C-alpha cells in the first residue's frame, strides 16, 4: 500500500478527488492539519462520491506525527517544483509515503530544508508554476503503482 500525505491542503474539491484516487487504488490518505476546510464538508464528500466511507484516512496534527508513526524503514518522497529529480526516475516500493504540499504554497522552503532527502518533481515547462494538486497526486501515485505491477489492481 502506498501512502499519500497532504500537508495543510486548502481546497476541499482537490482533497475529495485525491480521496477517491486513494480509495480506488487501496492507498492510504494522510491529512496534516491545519486543513483549509472541514472533512465533514459536503464539497469533500461530493468530490469523493461514495468512496469516502472506504477510504483509509488518517488526520495528523503535524507532519512529524506522520513521520513518527510510519513503519520502521518507510521511505518518504516529497513532491516539489524545486526538486532536480523527476518522479519517474525513482523506484517506488510498497509502503512508500509520497508527500504533497498546499495548493498555494507547496511544501515551503523551511519544510524542504528540514526534510532534505527524497525530493521529486513532475517535469513541466519552466515558465509554468505547477499542476493541480489532485492531478499531481494521480500522476505520481499511478507511476508508483505501475512500477509495482499495479499492486493487485485489475
N, C-alpha and C. Protein backbone atom coordinates (compact mmCIF):
# COMPACT_ATOMS: atom_id res chain seq x y z
N UNK A 1 0.83 -1.17 0.00
CA UNK A 1 0.00 0.00 0.00
C UNK A 1 0.88 1.24 0.00
N UNK A 2 0.50 2.21 -0.81
CA UNK A 2 1.19 3.49 -0.80
C UNK A 2 0.45 4.45 0.12
N UNK A 3 1.19 5.43 0.60
CA UNK A 3 0.64 6.44 1.50
C UNK A 3 0.76 7.80 0.82
N UNK A 4 -0.36 8.48 0.68
CA UNK A 4 -0.37 9.84 0.15
C UNK A 4 -0.56 10.78 1.34
N UNK A 5 0.34 11.77 1.44
CA UNK A 5 0.28 12.72 2.54
C UNK A 5 0.03 14.11 1.96
N UNK A 6 -1.01 14.77 2.44
CA UNK A 6 -1.30 16.14 2.04
C UNK A 6 -1.03 17.04 3.25
N UNK A 7 -0.04 17.91 3.12
CA UNK A 7 0.33 18.82 4.20
C UNK A 7 -0.47 20.11 4.03
N UNK A 8 -1.37 20.34 4.97
CA UNK A 8 -2.19 21.55 5.03
C UNK A 8 -2.95 21.84 3.74
N UNK A 9 -3.70 20.87 3.22
CA UNK A 9 -4.47 21.11 2.00
C UNK A 9 -5.51 22.21 2.22
N UNK A 10 -5.79 22.95 1.15
CA UNK A 10 -6.66 24.12 1.27
C UNK A 10 -7.98 24.00 0.52
N UNK A 11 -8.01 23.21 -0.54
CA UNK A 11 -9.18 23.17 -1.42
C UNK A 11 -9.91 21.84 -1.26
N UNK A 12 -11.15 21.88 -0.76
CA UNK A 12 -11.85 20.62 -0.48
C UNK A 12 -12.07 19.75 -1.71
N UNK A 13 -12.28 20.34 -2.87
CA UNK A 13 -12.51 19.54 -4.07
C UNK A 13 -11.26 18.74 -4.44
N UNK A 14 -10.08 19.33 -4.27
CA UNK A 14 -8.85 18.59 -4.54
C UNK A 14 -8.72 17.41 -3.59
N UNK A 15 -8.95 17.66 -2.31
CA UNK A 15 -8.84 16.57 -1.33
C UNK A 15 -9.89 15.50 -1.60
N UNK A 16 -11.08 15.91 -2.01
CA UNK A 16 -12.11 14.92 -2.38
C UNK A 16 -11.68 14.07 -3.55
N UNK A 17 -11.12 14.70 -4.58
CA UNK A 17 -10.64 13.93 -5.74
C UNK A 17 -9.51 12.99 -5.35
N UNK A 18 -8.60 13.47 -4.51
CA UNK A 18 -7.48 12.64 -4.06
C UNK A 18 -7.98 11.50 -3.20
N UNK A 19 -8.99 11.74 -2.37
CA UNK A 19 -9.54 10.66 -1.55
C UNK A 19 -10.13 9.56 -2.42
N UNK A 20 -10.76 9.95 -3.52
CA UNK A 20 -11.32 8.96 -4.44
C UNK A 20 -10.20 8.16 -5.09
N UNK A 21 -9.14 8.84 -5.53
CA UNK A 21 -8.00 8.14 -6.14
C UNK A 21 -7.38 7.17 -5.14
N UNK A 22 -7.23 7.61 -3.90
CA UNK A 22 -6.66 6.72 -2.87
C UNK A 22 -7.57 5.53 -2.62
N UNK A 23 -8.86 5.78 -2.55
CA UNK A 23 -9.80 4.69 -2.28
C UNK A 23 -9.77 3.63 -3.37
N UNK A 24 -9.78 4.04 -4.63
CA UNK A 24 -9.84 3.06 -5.72
C UNK A 24 -8.51 2.34 -5.94
N UNK A 25 -7.43 2.88 -5.37
CA UNK A 25 -6.12 2.22 -5.52
C UNK A 25 -5.68 1.50 -4.24
N UNK A 26 -6.47 1.59 -3.18
CA UNK A 26 -6.09 0.97 -1.91
C UNK A 26 -4.97 1.71 -1.21
N UNK A 27 -4.78 2.96 -1.55
CA UNK A 27 -3.73 3.78 -0.91
C UNK A 27 -4.29 4.48 0.31
N UNK A 28 -3.44 4.69 1.30
CA UNK A 28 -3.84 5.42 2.50
C UNK A 28 -3.69 6.92 2.25
N UNK A 29 -4.59 7.70 2.82
CA UNK A 29 -4.52 9.15 2.72
C UNK A 29 -4.29 9.73 4.11
N UNK A 30 -3.25 10.54 4.22
CA UNK A 30 -2.91 11.21 5.48
C UNK A 30 -3.07 12.70 5.27
N UNK A 31 -3.90 13.34 6.08
CA UNK A 31 -4.10 14.78 6.03
C UNK A 31 -3.41 15.41 7.23
N UNK A 32 -2.57 16.41 6.97
CA UNK A 32 -1.84 17.10 8.03
C UNK A 32 -2.50 18.45 8.26
N UNK A 33 -2.92 18.68 9.50
CA UNK A 33 -3.58 19.93 9.86
C UNK A 33 -2.59 21.08 9.95
N UNK A 34 -3.07 22.32 9.82
CA UNK A 34 -4.48 22.69 9.68
C UNK A 34 -4.99 22.49 8.25
N UNK A 35 -6.25 22.10 8.16
CA UNK A 35 -6.90 21.93 6.88
C UNK A 35 -7.64 23.23 6.54
N UNK A 36 -7.75 23.52 5.29
CA UNK A 36 -8.45 24.73 4.86
C UNK A 36 -9.95 24.53 4.76
N UNK A 37 -10.48 23.47 5.33
CA UNK A 37 -11.88 23.11 5.23
C UNK A 37 -12.16 22.03 6.26
N UNK A 38 -13.41 21.71 6.44
CA UNK A 38 -13.81 20.60 7.31
C UNK A 38 -13.91 19.33 6.48
N UNK A 39 -13.43 18.23 7.01
CA UNK A 39 -13.57 16.98 6.24
C UNK A 39 -15.00 16.47 6.28
N UNK A 40 -15.84 17.12 7.04
CA UNK A 40 -17.28 16.81 7.01
C UNK A 40 -17.98 17.63 5.93
N UNK A 41 -17.24 18.56 5.34
CA UNK A 41 -17.79 19.47 4.34
C UNK A 41 -18.38 18.70 3.17
N UNK A 42 -19.51 19.13 2.69
CA UNK A 42 -20.19 18.44 1.59
C UNK A 42 -19.37 18.47 0.31
N UNK A 43 -18.51 19.48 0.14
CA UNK A 43 -17.69 19.54 -1.07
C UNK A 43 -16.71 18.37 -1.13
N UNK A 44 -16.09 18.03 0.00
CA UNK A 44 -15.16 16.91 0.03
C UNK A 44 -15.90 15.62 -0.26
N UNK A 45 -17.01 15.42 0.40
CA UNK A 45 -17.76 14.18 0.20
C UNK A 45 -18.31 14.08 -1.21
N UNK A 46 -18.73 15.21 -1.79
CA UNK A 46 -19.26 15.19 -3.15
C UNK A 46 -18.15 14.80 -4.13
N UNK A 47 -16.97 15.36 -3.97
CA UNK A 47 -15.87 15.03 -4.88
C UNK A 47 -15.41 13.59 -4.69
N UNK A 48 -15.49 13.08 -3.46
CA UNK A 48 -15.11 11.70 -3.19
C UNK A 48 -16.21 10.72 -3.49
N UNK A 49 -17.41 11.23 -3.71
CA UNK A 49 -18.61 10.45 -4.01
C UNK A 49 -18.80 9.35 -2.97
N UNK A 50 -19.11 8.16 -3.42
CA UNK A 50 -19.42 7.09 -2.49
C UNK A 50 -18.18 6.35 -2.00
N UNK A 51 -17.00 6.90 -2.26
CA UNK A 51 -15.76 6.24 -1.86
C UNK A 51 -15.27 6.69 -0.50
N UNK A 52 -15.81 7.77 0.03
CA UNK A 52 -15.32 8.35 1.27
C UNK A 52 -15.34 7.33 2.42
N UNK A 53 -16.38 6.50 2.49
CA UNK A 53 -16.50 5.54 3.59
C UNK A 53 -15.56 4.34 3.46
N UNK A 54 -14.93 4.15 2.31
CA UNK A 54 -13.98 3.05 2.14
C UNK A 54 -12.53 3.53 2.16
N UNK A 55 -12.35 4.82 2.43
CA UNK A 55 -11.03 5.42 2.42
C UNK A 55 -10.26 5.10 3.70
N UNK A 56 -9.00 4.75 3.55
CA UNK A 56 -8.09 4.55 4.69
C UNK A 56 -7.52 5.93 5.01
N UNK A 57 -8.19 6.66 5.90
CA UNK A 57 -7.89 8.06 6.18
C UNK A 57 -7.34 8.24 7.59
N UNK A 58 -6.29 9.04 7.68
CA UNK A 58 -5.74 9.46 8.98
C UNK A 58 -5.56 10.97 8.95
N UNK A 59 -5.88 11.62 10.05
CA UNK A 59 -5.67 13.06 10.18
C UNK A 59 -4.62 13.25 11.27
N UNK A 60 -3.63 14.08 10.98
CA UNK A 60 -2.49 14.28 11.88
C UNK A 60 -2.36 15.74 12.27
N UNK A 61 -1.89 15.97 13.49
CA UNK A 61 -1.65 17.34 13.98
C UNK A 61 -0.46 17.99 13.30
N UNK A 62 0.51 17.18 12.88
CA UNK A 62 1.73 17.71 12.28
C UNK A 62 2.34 16.66 11.37
N UNK A 63 3.27 17.10 10.51
CA UNK A 63 3.97 16.14 9.67
C UNK A 63 4.84 15.22 10.52
N UNK A 64 5.39 15.75 11.60
CA UNK A 64 6.21 14.94 12.50
C UNK A 64 5.42 13.75 13.03
N UNK A 65 4.12 13.92 13.21
CA UNK A 65 3.25 12.83 13.65
C UNK A 65 3.19 11.74 12.58
N UNK A 66 3.10 12.13 11.32
CA UNK A 66 3.12 11.15 10.22
C UNK A 66 4.45 10.41 10.24
N UNK A 67 5.53 11.16 10.30
CA UNK A 67 6.89 10.62 10.28
C UNK A 67 7.10 9.62 11.42
N UNK A 68 6.72 10.00 12.61
CA UNK A 68 6.98 9.14 13.78
C UNK A 68 6.08 7.91 13.82
N UNK A 69 4.94 7.95 13.15
CA UNK A 69 4.03 6.80 13.15
C UNK A 69 4.22 5.89 11.94
N UNK A 70 5.13 6.25 11.04
CA UNK A 70 5.39 5.40 9.87
C UNK A 70 6.14 4.14 10.31
N UNK A 71 5.95 3.09 9.55
CA UNK A 71 6.66 1.84 9.84
C UNK A 71 8.17 2.06 9.75
N UNK A 72 8.90 1.31 10.54
CA UNK A 72 10.36 1.41 10.52
C UNK A 72 10.86 1.13 9.10
N UNK A 73 11.73 1.98 8.61
CA UNK A 73 12.29 1.81 7.27
C UNK A 73 11.44 2.39 6.15
N UNK A 74 10.29 2.99 6.50
CA UNK A 74 9.45 3.58 5.46
C UNK A 74 10.21 4.70 4.76
N UNK A 75 9.99 4.81 3.47
CA UNK A 75 10.66 5.85 2.69
C UNK A 75 9.66 6.97 2.39
N UNK A 76 10.18 8.19 2.35
CA UNK A 76 9.36 9.37 2.09
C UNK A 76 9.87 10.07 0.84
N UNK A 77 8.93 10.47 -0.01
CA UNK A 77 9.23 11.27 -1.19
C UNK A 77 8.43 12.55 -1.07
N UNK A 78 9.08 13.67 -1.38
CA UNK A 78 8.47 14.98 -1.23
C UNK A 78 8.33 15.64 -2.60
N UNK A 79 7.11 15.83 -3.05
CA UNK A 79 6.86 16.42 -4.36
C UNK A 79 7.00 17.94 -4.27
N UNK A 80 7.89 18.47 -5.10
CA UNK A 80 8.13 19.91 -5.12
C UNK A 80 8.63 20.33 -6.49
N UNK A 81 8.20 21.49 -6.93
CA UNK A 81 8.69 22.01 -8.21
C UNK A 81 10.17 22.39 -8.12
N UNK A 82 10.72 22.45 -6.91
CA UNK A 82 12.12 22.85 -6.71
C UNK A 82 13.11 21.69 -6.81
N UNK A 83 12.61 20.46 -6.91
CA UNK A 83 13.48 19.29 -6.96
C UNK A 83 14.17 19.16 -8.31
N UNK A 84 15.32 18.53 -8.31
CA UNK A 84 16.03 18.23 -9.55
C UNK A 84 15.62 16.86 -10.10
N UNK A 85 15.30 15.93 -9.22
CA UNK A 85 14.98 14.55 -9.59
C UNK A 85 13.52 14.41 -10.04
N UNK A 86 13.31 13.85 -11.22
CA UNK A 86 11.95 13.59 -11.70
C UNK A 86 11.37 12.39 -10.96
N UNK A 87 10.09 12.44 -10.69
CA UNK A 87 9.41 11.33 -10.00
C UNK A 87 9.59 10.03 -10.75
N UNK A 88 9.65 10.07 -12.06
CA UNK A 88 9.74 8.87 -12.88
C UNK A 88 11.12 8.22 -12.83
N UNK A 89 12.10 8.91 -12.26
CA UNK A 89 13.44 8.34 -12.10
C UNK A 89 13.60 7.57 -10.80
N UNK A 90 12.61 7.65 -9.93
CA UNK A 90 12.65 6.93 -8.66
C UNK A 90 12.09 5.53 -8.82
N UNK A 91 12.52 4.64 -7.96
CA UNK A 91 11.95 3.30 -7.90
C UNK A 91 11.13 3.22 -6.61
N UNK A 92 9.83 3.26 -6.78
CA UNK A 92 8.93 3.25 -5.63
C UNK A 92 8.71 1.83 -5.14
N UNK A 93 8.52 1.71 -3.83
CA UNK A 93 8.27 0.41 -3.20
C UNK A 93 7.00 0.47 -2.38
N UNK A 94 6.37 -0.68 -2.23
CA UNK A 94 5.20 -0.81 -1.38
C UNK A 94 5.52 -0.23 -0.01
N UNK A 95 4.63 0.59 0.50
CA UNK A 95 4.82 1.20 1.82
C UNK A 95 5.40 2.60 1.79
N UNK A 96 5.80 3.08 0.60
CA UNK A 96 6.36 4.43 0.49
C UNK A 96 5.31 5.49 0.79
N UNK A 97 5.79 6.61 1.30
CA UNK A 97 4.96 7.80 1.55
C UNK A 97 5.32 8.84 0.49
N UNK A 98 4.29 9.40 -0.13
CA UNK A 98 4.50 10.45 -1.13
C UNK A 98 3.79 11.69 -0.59
N UNK A 99 4.57 12.74 -0.37
CA UNK A 99 4.11 13.92 0.36
C UNK A 99 3.92 15.09 -0.59
N UNK A 100 2.78 15.78 -0.46
CA UNK A 100 2.44 16.93 -1.27
C UNK A 100 2.07 18.09 -0.35
N UNK A 101 2.34 19.31 -0.81
CA UNK A 101 2.06 20.50 -0.01
C UNK A 101 0.77 21.19 -0.40
N UNK A 102 0.57 22.36 0.19
CA UNK A 102 -0.62 23.17 -0.05
C UNK A 102 -0.71 23.61 -1.51
N UNK A 103 -1.92 23.81 -1.96
CA UNK A 103 -2.16 24.24 -3.33
C UNK A 103 -1.50 25.58 -3.64
N UNK A 104 -1.49 26.50 -2.70
CA UNK A 104 -0.97 27.84 -2.97
C UNK A 104 0.50 28.02 -2.68
N UNK A 105 1.10 27.13 -1.89
CA UNK A 105 2.49 27.35 -1.48
C UNK A 105 3.37 26.11 -1.54
N UNK A 106 2.83 24.98 -1.90
CA UNK A 106 3.64 23.76 -1.90
C UNK A 106 4.07 23.38 -0.49
N UNK A 107 5.22 22.75 -0.38
CA UNK A 107 5.72 22.33 0.93
C UNK A 107 6.47 23.45 1.64
N UNK A 108 6.93 24.44 0.94
CA UNK A 108 7.61 25.57 1.56
C UNK A 108 9.08 25.31 1.80
N UNK A 109 9.86 26.37 1.77
CA UNK A 109 11.32 26.24 1.88
C UNK A 109 11.77 25.73 3.24
N UNK A 110 11.12 26.15 4.33
CA UNK A 110 11.50 25.67 5.66
C UNK A 110 11.24 24.17 5.79
N UNK A 111 10.09 23.73 5.29
CA UNK A 111 9.75 22.32 5.33
C UNK A 111 10.77 21.51 4.54
N UNK A 112 11.06 21.96 3.32
CA UNK A 112 12.00 21.23 2.46
C UNK A 112 13.42 21.24 3.01
N UNK A 113 13.79 22.31 3.70
CA UNK A 113 15.12 22.36 4.32
C UNK A 113 15.23 21.34 5.46
N UNK A 114 14.13 21.13 6.17
CA UNK A 114 14.13 20.16 7.27
C UNK A 114 14.17 18.72 6.75
N UNK A 115 13.44 18.46 5.68
CA UNK A 115 13.35 17.12 5.09
C UNK A 115 14.09 17.17 3.76
N UNK A 116 15.39 16.97 3.78
CA UNK A 116 16.26 17.21 2.62
C UNK A 116 16.33 16.07 1.61
N UNK A 117 15.98 14.89 2.00
CA UNK A 117 16.10 13.71 1.12
C UNK A 117 14.79 13.43 0.40
N UNK A 118 14.88 12.81 -0.76
CA UNK A 118 13.70 12.29 -1.44
C UNK A 118 12.84 13.32 -2.15
N UNK A 119 13.40 14.44 -2.55
CA UNK A 119 12.63 15.45 -3.27
C UNK A 119 12.45 15.01 -4.72
N UNK A 120 11.21 15.08 -5.19
CA UNK A 120 10.89 14.69 -6.57
C UNK A 120 10.03 15.79 -7.21
N UNK A 121 10.06 15.82 -8.54
CA UNK A 121 9.24 16.80 -9.26
C UNK A 121 8.58 16.13 -10.47
N UNK A 122 7.53 16.78 -10.93
CA UNK A 122 6.88 16.39 -12.17
C UNK A 122 7.39 17.36 -13.24
N UNK A 123 8.04 16.87 -14.29
CA UNK A 123 8.55 17.78 -15.32
C UNK A 123 7.44 18.60 -15.98
N UNK A 124 7.75 19.86 -16.20
CA UNK A 124 6.82 20.77 -16.89
C UNK A 124 7.61 21.93 -17.47
N UNK A 125 6.98 22.71 -18.29
CA UNK A 125 7.64 23.87 -18.88
C UNK A 125 8.13 24.81 -17.79
N UNK A 126 9.32 25.38 -17.96
CA UNK A 126 9.91 26.20 -16.89
C UNK A 126 9.12 27.45 -16.54
N UNK A 127 8.39 28.01 -17.48
CA UNK A 127 7.65 29.23 -17.17
C UNK A 127 6.31 28.96 -16.49
N UNK A 128 5.97 27.71 -16.27
CA UNK A 128 4.71 27.35 -15.60
C UNK A 128 4.97 27.10 -14.12
N UNK A 129 3.99 27.47 -13.30
CA UNK A 129 4.15 27.38 -11.85
C UNK A 129 3.99 25.95 -11.33
N UNK A 130 2.84 25.33 -11.63
CA UNK A 130 2.60 23.99 -11.11
C UNK A 130 1.34 23.39 -11.72
N UNK A 131 1.14 22.12 -11.46
CA UNK A 131 -0.07 21.41 -11.84
C UNK A 131 -1.08 21.46 -10.69
N UNK A 132 -2.30 21.12 -10.99
CA UNK A 132 -3.33 20.96 -9.96
C UNK A 132 -2.90 19.84 -9.00
N UNK A 133 -3.17 20.02 -7.73
CA UNK A 133 -2.74 19.05 -6.71
C UNK A 133 -3.31 17.65 -6.96
N UNK A 134 -4.59 17.55 -7.25
CA UNK A 134 -5.15 16.21 -7.45
C UNK A 134 -4.57 15.53 -8.69
N UNK A 135 -4.27 16.31 -9.72
CA UNK A 135 -3.60 15.73 -10.90
C UNK A 135 -2.20 15.27 -10.55
N UNK A 136 -1.48 16.06 -9.78
CA UNK A 136 -0.11 15.71 -9.38
C UNK A 136 -0.09 14.41 -8.59
N UNK A 137 -1.01 14.28 -7.65
CA UNK A 137 -1.08 13.04 -6.86
C UNK A 137 -1.34 11.85 -7.77
N UNK A 138 -2.29 11.98 -8.68
CA UNK A 138 -2.62 10.87 -9.58
C UNK A 138 -1.44 10.48 -10.45
N UNK A 139 -0.72 11.46 -10.97
CA UNK A 139 0.44 11.17 -11.84
C UNK A 139 1.48 10.36 -11.08
N UNK A 140 1.88 10.82 -9.92
CA UNK A 140 2.95 10.15 -9.17
C UNK A 140 2.48 8.81 -8.60
N UNK A 141 1.28 8.77 -8.05
CA UNK A 141 0.77 7.52 -7.48
C UNK A 141 0.64 6.44 -8.54
N UNK A 142 0.12 6.77 -9.70
CA UNK A 142 -0.02 5.74 -10.73
C UNK A 142 1.32 5.28 -11.29
N UNK A 143 2.33 6.13 -11.27
CA UNK A 143 3.67 5.66 -11.65
C UNK A 143 4.18 4.67 -10.61
N UNK A 144 3.98 4.99 -9.33
CA UNK A 144 4.41 4.07 -8.27
C UNK A 144 3.67 2.74 -8.40
N UNK A 145 2.38 2.79 -8.67
CA UNK A 145 1.60 1.57 -8.85
C UNK A 145 2.06 0.79 -10.07
N UNK A 146 2.32 1.49 -11.18
CA UNK A 146 2.79 0.83 -12.41
C UNK A 146 4.09 0.08 -12.15
N UNK A 147 5.01 0.75 -11.46
CA UNK A 147 6.30 0.11 -11.17
C UNK A 147 6.15 -1.14 -10.32
N UNK A 148 5.07 -1.25 -9.60
CA UNK A 148 4.84 -2.39 -8.70
C UNK A 148 3.75 -3.30 -9.22
N UNK A 149 3.60 -3.36 -10.53
CA UNK A 149 2.63 -4.27 -11.14
C UNK A 149 1.20 -3.93 -10.78
N UNK A 150 0.94 -2.70 -10.47
CA UNK A 150 -0.38 -2.21 -10.08
C UNK A 150 -0.93 -2.88 -8.82
N UNK A 151 -0.06 -3.50 -8.04
CA UNK A 151 -0.41 -3.98 -6.69
C UNK A 151 -1.77 -4.65 -6.61
N UNK A 152 -2.00 -5.61 -7.46
CA UNK A 152 -3.23 -6.41 -7.46
C UNK A 152 -4.46 -5.66 -7.92
N UNK A 153 -4.29 -4.48 -8.52
CA UNK A 153 -5.45 -3.79 -9.12
C UNK A 153 -5.76 -4.48 -10.43
N UNK A 154 -7.00 -4.47 -10.85
CA UNK A 154 -7.33 -5.09 -12.15
C UNK A 154 -7.96 -4.09 -13.07
